[in-house]
Amino acid sequence: MTDPVIKAEGLGLRYRRRGEAWALKDCTFTLPAGRVVAVVGPNGAGKSTLLALAAGLLRPTEGLIETPGRERLAYVAQDKPLYGQLTVAETLRTGRELNPDRWDRAVAESIVEAGPLPGKARVRSLSGGQRTRLALALALGKRPELLVLDEPMADLDPLARHELMGALMADAAERGTTVVMSSHILTELDSACDHLLLVQDGRIRLDGAIDDLLAAYTLLTGPVADLAPHTVVDARTTGRQLTALVRREGPVEGPWEVTEPSLEELLLAHLRAARTPEGASS
């Protein structure tokens, strides 16, 4: 069994400035090393807070979270904080000086040059997408064991997103890097990630290998009928047609068209169920 690279037990964080509101509450999970993990959920669910806790930028109000340590971890935040007065070349040099034992100059420079980003350009003059590229170059150049990315591709055009996602996946495969990333682009996650954390209302609603989660659920389409003994996650009726996502409790019998759900169908069903009082959740 692979040792977990992240382990959280009863993790919670409360923002006092928001009227004692809990951003995260009672989150317990483990992430095996070498996985590419998708952290998904609606806006305000607690995804960024969870990633900031994993990166060691926040201290939990309760519970604990264990990670490899800052020297073996790289974090790219949504706003890509960089020193605006430095040039691209100076930024890479700073990354090398801060990580003398782990710095991979070739990897960092290859990501910058693919932009291309002029070495003499100051960070404050870069576009959002260019800043993202530079931030990812710094993160990968550090050769981290754990790479934490909060909406990393939001500022990129489709071609650059595809290119950089490919570079991330190649690095993870070659080095065994654990990548934990949030994104609203489900198709991007579906093709790249192999583990899922669904966060909603500050709690972990789904946690597991994506293939295992998809195999545990079935999408049923057909006439309205009794769905027992299966656990119904979400069901919608259009006229006499019923579409339901169920967690199987044995063989599926009945007048159904039976298919395996896509990742998007699985996530949307769980999000709808958690938002609806009578919705069931597994």
Protein backbone atom coordinates (compact mmCIF):
# COMPACT_ATOMS: atom_id res chain seq x y z
CA MET A 1 0.00 0.00 0.00
CA THR A 2 1.40 3.40 -0.98
CA ASP A 3 1.89 5.79 1.92
CA PRO A 4 -0.43 8.82 1.73
CA VAL A 5 1.12 12.09 0.63
CA ILE A 6 -1.71 14.04 2.27
CA LYS A 7 -3.64 12.87 5.31
CA ALA A 8 -6.41 14.91 6.91
CA GLU A 9 -8.37 13.97 10.03
CA GLY A 10 -11.30 16.03 11.32
CA LEU A 11 -9.93 19.03 9.44
CA GLY A 12 -11.81 22.27 9.94
CA LEU A 13 -11.21 25.99 9.55
CA ARG A 14 -13.38 28.82 10.83
CA TYR A 15 -13.08 32.42 9.62
CA ARG A 16 -13.81 34.64 12.63
CA ARG A 17 -14.09 37.73 10.43
CA ARG A 18 -17.08 36.10 8.73
CA GLY A 19 -19.22 35.72 11.81
CA GLU A 20 -17.68 32.44 13.01
CA ALA A 21 -18.53 30.78 9.68
CA TRP A 22 -16.84 27.45 8.97
CA ALA A 23 -15.07 27.34 5.61
CA LEU A 24 -14.29 23.64 6.16
CA LYS A 25 -15.68 21.23 8.73
CA ASP A 26 -14.88 17.64 9.70
CA CYS A 27 -12.89 16.73 6.57
CA THR A 28 -11.15 13.37 6.73
CA PHE A 29 -9.36 11.83 3.74
CA THR A 30 -6.06 10.38 2.54
CA LEU A 31 -4.44 10.88 -0.86
CA PRO A 32 -1.97 8.22 -2.05
CA ALA A 33 1.33 9.34 -3.52
CA GLY A 34 1.58 9.61 -7.28
CA ARG A 35 -2.09 10.43 -7.88
CA VAL A 36 -3.44 13.31 -9.94
CA VAL A 37 -6.30 14.59 -7.82
CA ALA A 38 -9.24 16.72 -8.94
CA VAL A 39 -10.72 18.97 -6.26
CA VAL A 40 -14.14 20.06 -7.48
CA GLY A 41 -17.22 21.79 -6.13
CA PRO A 42 -19.27 24.97 -6.49
CA ASN A 43 -17.94 28.44 -5.77
CA GLY A 44 -17.59 29.01 -2.04
CA ALA A 45 -17.51 25.28 -1.26
CA GLY A 46 -14.13 25.46 0.49
CA LYS A 47 -11.81 24.23 -2.29
CA SER A 48 -9.31 27.11 -2.07
CA THR A 49 -9.28 26.90 1.72
CA LEU A 50 -8.54 23.18 1.55
CA LEU A 51 -5.65 23.74 -0.88
CA ALA A 52 -4.23 26.59 1.20
CA LEU A 53 -4.29 24.32 4.26
CA ALA A 54 -2.50 21.60 2.28
CA ALA A 55 0.12 24.15 1.22
CA GLY A 56 0.69 25.21 4.83
CA LEU A 57 -0.51 28.78 4.26
CA LEU A 58 -3.36 28.45 6.76
CA ARG A 59 -3.55 26.76 10.15
CA PRO A 60 -6.62 24.65 10.88
CA THR A 61 -9.04 25.60 13.61
CA GLU A 62 -9.49 21.94 14.43
CA GLY A 63 -8.14 18.59 13.27
CA LEU A 64 -4.91 18.08 11.39
CA ILE A 65 -3.46 17.78 7.91
CA GLU A 66 -0.13 16.11 7.16
CA THR A 67 1.87 16.87 3.99
CA PRO A 68 5.50 16.36 2.88
CA GLY A 69 6.66 19.79 4.10
CA ARG A 70 7.26 23.08 2.33
CA GLU A 71 10.67 22.21 0.90
CA ARG A 72 9.07 19.31 -1.03
CA LEU A 73 5.84 21.11 -1.92
CA ALA A 74 4.96 23.70 -4.56
CA TYR A 75 1.77 25.77 -4.59
CA VAL A 76 0.25 27.94 -7.29
CA ALA A 77 -2.59 30.15 -6.05
CA GLN A 78 -5.44 31.56 -8.14
CA ASP A 79 -3.94 35.06 -8.22
CA LYS A 80 -0.41 33.81 -9.13
CA PRO A 81 1.45 36.14 -6.71
CA LEU A 82 4.80 37.10 -8.22
CA TYR A 83 7.15 40.05 -7.75
CA GLY A 84 6.06 42.58 -10.37
CA GLN A 85 9.33 44.49 -10.41
CA LEU A 86 11.41 41.43 -11.33
CA THR A 87 12.00 40.28 -14.88
CA VAL A 88 11.18 36.78 -16.08
CA ALA A 89 14.86 35.83 -15.95
CA GLU A 90 15.26 37.28 -12.46
CA THR A 91 12.19 35.38 -11.29
CA LEU A 92 13.66 32.08 -12.49
CA ARG A 93 16.99 32.94 -10.89
CA THR A 94 15.20 33.59 -7.60
CA GLY A 95 13.53 30.20 -7.87
CA ARG A 96 16.93 28.57 -8.33
CA GLU A 97 18.45 30.44 -5.37
CA LEU A 98 15.56 29.51 -3.07
CA ASN A 99 15.73 25.84 -4.08
CA PRO A 100 19.43 25.15 -4.69
CA ASP A 101 19.23 21.41 -3.98
CA ARG A 102 16.13 20.66 -6.05
CA TRP A 103 16.01 23.21 -8.86
CA ASP A 104 15.61 21.87 -12.41
CA ARG A 105 16.64 24.72 -14.68
CA ALA A 106 15.88 22.86 -17.89
CA VAL A 107 12.27 22.16 -16.95
CA ALA A 108 11.58 25.72 -15.78
CA GLU A 109 13.15 27.30 -18.84
CA SER A 110 11.38 24.96 -21.26
CA ILE A 111 7.98 26.07 -19.94
CA VAL A 112 8.92 29.75 -20.17
CA GLU A 113 10.45 29.43 -23.64
CA ALA A 114 7.39 27.63 -24.99
CA GLY A 115 5.40 30.82 -24.25
CA PRO A 116 7.58 32.42 -25.32
CA LEU A 117 8.22 34.79 -22.43
CA PRO A 118 11.05 37.30 -22.99
CA GLY A 119 13.63 37.02 -20.25
CA LYS A 120 13.88 40.81 -19.92
CA ALA A 121 10.11 41.35 -19.59
CA ARG A 122 9.00 42.53 -16.16
CA VAL A 123 6.37 40.45 -14.42
CA ARG A 124 4.03 43.43 -14.05
CA SER A 125 3.91 43.75 -17.85
CA LEU A 126 2.80 40.13 -18.40
CA SER A 127 -0.73 39.08 -19.25
CA GLY A 128 -2.68 36.81 -16.92
CA GLY A 129 -1.87 33.78 -19.05
CA GLN A 130 1.84 34.65 -19.14
CA ARG A 131 1.92 35.03 -15.36
CA THR A 132 0.32 31.61 -15.08
CA ARG A 133 3.01 30.12 -17.30
CA LEU A 134 5.76 31.71 -15.22
CA ALA A 135 4.17 30.56 -11.94
CA LEU A 136 3.93 26.99 -13.25
CA ALA A 137 7.55 27.15 -14.41
CA LEU A 138 8.61 28.08 -10.87
CA ALA A 139 6.47 25.31 -9.37
CA LEU A 140 7.72 22.55 -11.68
CA GLY A 141 11.31 23.82 -11.55
CA LYS A 142 11.29 23.15 -7.81
CA ARG A 143 10.76 19.43 -8.56
CA PRO A 144 8.16 19.03 -5.80
CA GLU A 145 6.83 15.75 -4.46
CA LEU A 146 3.45 17.44 -4.03
CA LEU A 147 2.16 20.07 -6.48
CA VAL A 148 -0.93 22.00 -5.32
CA LEU A 149 -2.72 24.05 -7.98
CA ASP A 150 -5.73 26.30 -7.39
CA GLU A 151 -7.56 26.92 -10.70
CA PRO A 152 -4.19 26.90 -12.51
CA MET A 153 -5.44 27.13 -16.10
CA ALA A 154 -8.21 29.72 -15.77
CA ASP A 155 -6.21 32.50 -17.50
CA LEU A 156 -4.97 30.40 -20.40
CA ASP A 157 -6.32 30.07 -23.91
CA PRO A 158 -7.35 26.52 -24.97
CA LEU A 159 -4.09 25.76 -26.80
CA ALA A 160 -1.86 26.91 -23.92
CA ARG A 161 -4.10 25.07 -21.45
CA HIS A 162 -3.74 21.85 -23.43
CA GLU A 163 0.03 22.28 -23.71
CA LEU A 164 0.64 23.04 -20.05
CA MET A 165 -1.73 20.32 -18.86
CA GLY A 166 0.27 17.91 -20.99
CA ALA A 167 3.50 19.11 -19.39
CA LEU A 168 2.02 18.65 -15.92
CA MET A 169 0.82 15.13 -16.67
CA ALA A 170 4.14 14.14 -18.26
CA ASP A 171 5.99 15.42 -15.19
CA ALA A 172 3.66 13.56 -12.84
CA ALA A 173 4.12 10.33 -14.80
CA GLU A 174 7.91 10.64 -15.03
CA ARG A 175 8.64 11.82 -11.51
CA GLY A 176 5.74 10.28 -9.59
CA THR A 177 4.65 13.76 -8.53
CA THR A 178 1.36 13.96 -6.68
CA VAL A 179 -0.75 16.72 -8.24
CA VAL A 180 -3.76 18.19 -6.43
CA MET A 181 -5.66 20.69 -8.56
CA SER A 182 -9.00 22.47 -8.53
CA SER A 183 -10.80 23.44 -11.72
CA HIS A 184 -14.27 24.16 -13.05
CA ILE A 185 -13.41 22.61 -16.42
CA LEU A 186 -14.69 19.07 -15.91
CA THR A 187 -13.53 17.77 -19.29
CA GLU A 188 -10.01 18.88 -18.41
CA LEU A 189 -10.13 16.98 -15.13
CA ASP A 190 -11.80 13.91 -16.62
CA SER A 191 -8.93 13.33 -19.03
CA ALA A 192 -6.11 14.17 -16.63
CA CYS A 193 -7.06 13.08 -13.10
CA ASP A 194 -7.39 9.68 -11.50
CA HIS A 195 -8.66 10.64 -8.02
CA LEU A 196 -11.56 12.85 -6.94
CA LEU A 197 -12.42 15.06 -3.99
CA LEU A 198 -15.86 16.64 -4.23
CA VAL A 199 -16.21 19.52 -1.76
CA GLN A 200 -19.56 21.12 -0.97
CA ASP A 201 -20.63 23.31 1.93
CA GLY A 202 -17.22 22.87 3.52
CA ARG A 203 -17.37 19.07 3.64
CA ILE A 204 -16.00 16.21 1.56
CA ARG A 205 -18.96 14.65 -0.30
CA LEU A 206 -17.05 12.19 -2.51
CA ASP A 207 -13.53 10.83 -2.16
CA GLY A 208 -11.91 8.05 -4.16
CA ALA A 209 -10.28 6.82 -7.33
CA ILE A 210 -12.36 8.08 -10.26
CA ASP A 211 -12.59 4.67 -11.94
CA ASP A 212 -13.84 3.09 -8.69
CA LEU A 213 -16.41 5.84 -8.15
CA LEU A 214 -17.77 5.60 -11.69
CA ALA A 215 -17.97 1.80 -11.45
CA ALA A 216 -19.97 2.02 -8.21
CA TYR A 217 -22.79 4.05 -9.80
CA THR A 218 -25.23 3.40 -12.61
CA LEU A 219 -27.28 5.78 -14.73
CA LEU A 220 -30.78 4.43 -15.35
CA THR A 221 -33.15 5.76 -18.01
CA GLY A 222 -36.65 4.45 -18.63
CA PRO A 223 -40.25 4.45 -17.42
CA VAL A 224 -41.06 5.54 -13.88
CA ALA A 225 -40.68 2.50 -11.61
CA ASP A 226 -39.50 1.44 -8.18
CA LEU A 227 -35.73 1.87 -7.82
CA ALA A 228 -35.39 -0.23 -4.65
CA PRO A 229 -33.11 -1.62 -3.31
CA HIS A 230 -30.60 0.79 -4.88
CA THR A 231 -29.54 4.02 -3.21
CA VAL A 232 -30.88 6.88 -5.31
CA VAL A 233 -28.50 9.83 -5.54
CA ASP A 234 -30.57 11.94 -7.94
CA ALA A 235 -33.70 11.31 -9.98
CA ARG A 236 -35.48 13.51 -12.51
CA THR A 237 -38.75 12.84 -14.30
CA THR A 238 -39.70 14.21 -17.72
CA GLY A 239 -43.22 13.15 -18.58
CA ARG A 240 -43.17 9.37 -18.19
CA GLN A 241 -39.40 9.12 -18.52
CA LEU A 242 -37.19 8.79 -15.46
CA THR A 243 -33.45 9.42 -15.35
CA ALA A 244 -31.74 8.40 -12.13
CA LEU A 245 -28.23 7.98 -10.80
CA VAL A 246 -28.11 5.12 -8.30
CA ARG A 247 -25.48 3.41 -6.23
CA ARG A 248 -26.00 -0.23 -7.02
CA GLU A 249 -26.99 -2.67 -4.28
CA GLY A 250 -26.86 -5.82 -6.37
CA PRO A 251 -27.97 -6.59 -9.94
CA VAL A 252 -29.99 -3.94 -11.76
CA GLU A 253 -33.38 -5.32 -12.82
CA GLY A 254 -36.25 -3.56 -14.55
CA PRO A 255 -37.15 -1.85 -17.81
CA TRP A 256 -34.06 0.36 -17.77
CA GLU A 257 -31.43 1.51 -20.18
CA VAL A 258 -28.33 1.01 -18.05
CA THR A 259 -25.12 3.01 -18.63
CA GLU A 260 -22.05 3.99 -16.64
CA PRO A 261 -22.20 7.70 -15.80
CA SER A 262 -19.60 10.17 -17.01
CA LEU A 263 -17.62 12.10 -14.42
CA GLU A 264 -19.75 15.17 -15.16
CA GLU A 265 -23.01 13.25 -14.68
CA LEU A 266 -21.74 11.80 -11.39
CA LEU A 267 -20.69 15.20 -10.04
CA LEU A 268 -23.82 17.06 -11.13
CA ALA A 269 -26.06 14.40 -9.58
CA HIS A 270 -24.29 14.63 -6.22
CA LEU A 271 -24.32 18.43 -6.29
CA ARG A 272 -28.07 18.50 -7.04
CA ALA A 273 -28.75 15.94 -4.33
CA ALA A 274 -26.84 17.89 -1.68
CA ARG A 275 -28.73 21.06 -2.61
CA THR A 276 -32.18 19.41 -2.45
CA PRO A 277 -33.61 18.50 1.00
CA GLU A 278 -35.10 15.22 -0.21
CA GLY A 279 -32.05 14.30 -2.33
CA ALA A 280 -30.26 11.17 -1.22
CA SER A 281 -26.50 10.99 -0.89
CA SER A 282 -24.32 7.95 -0.66
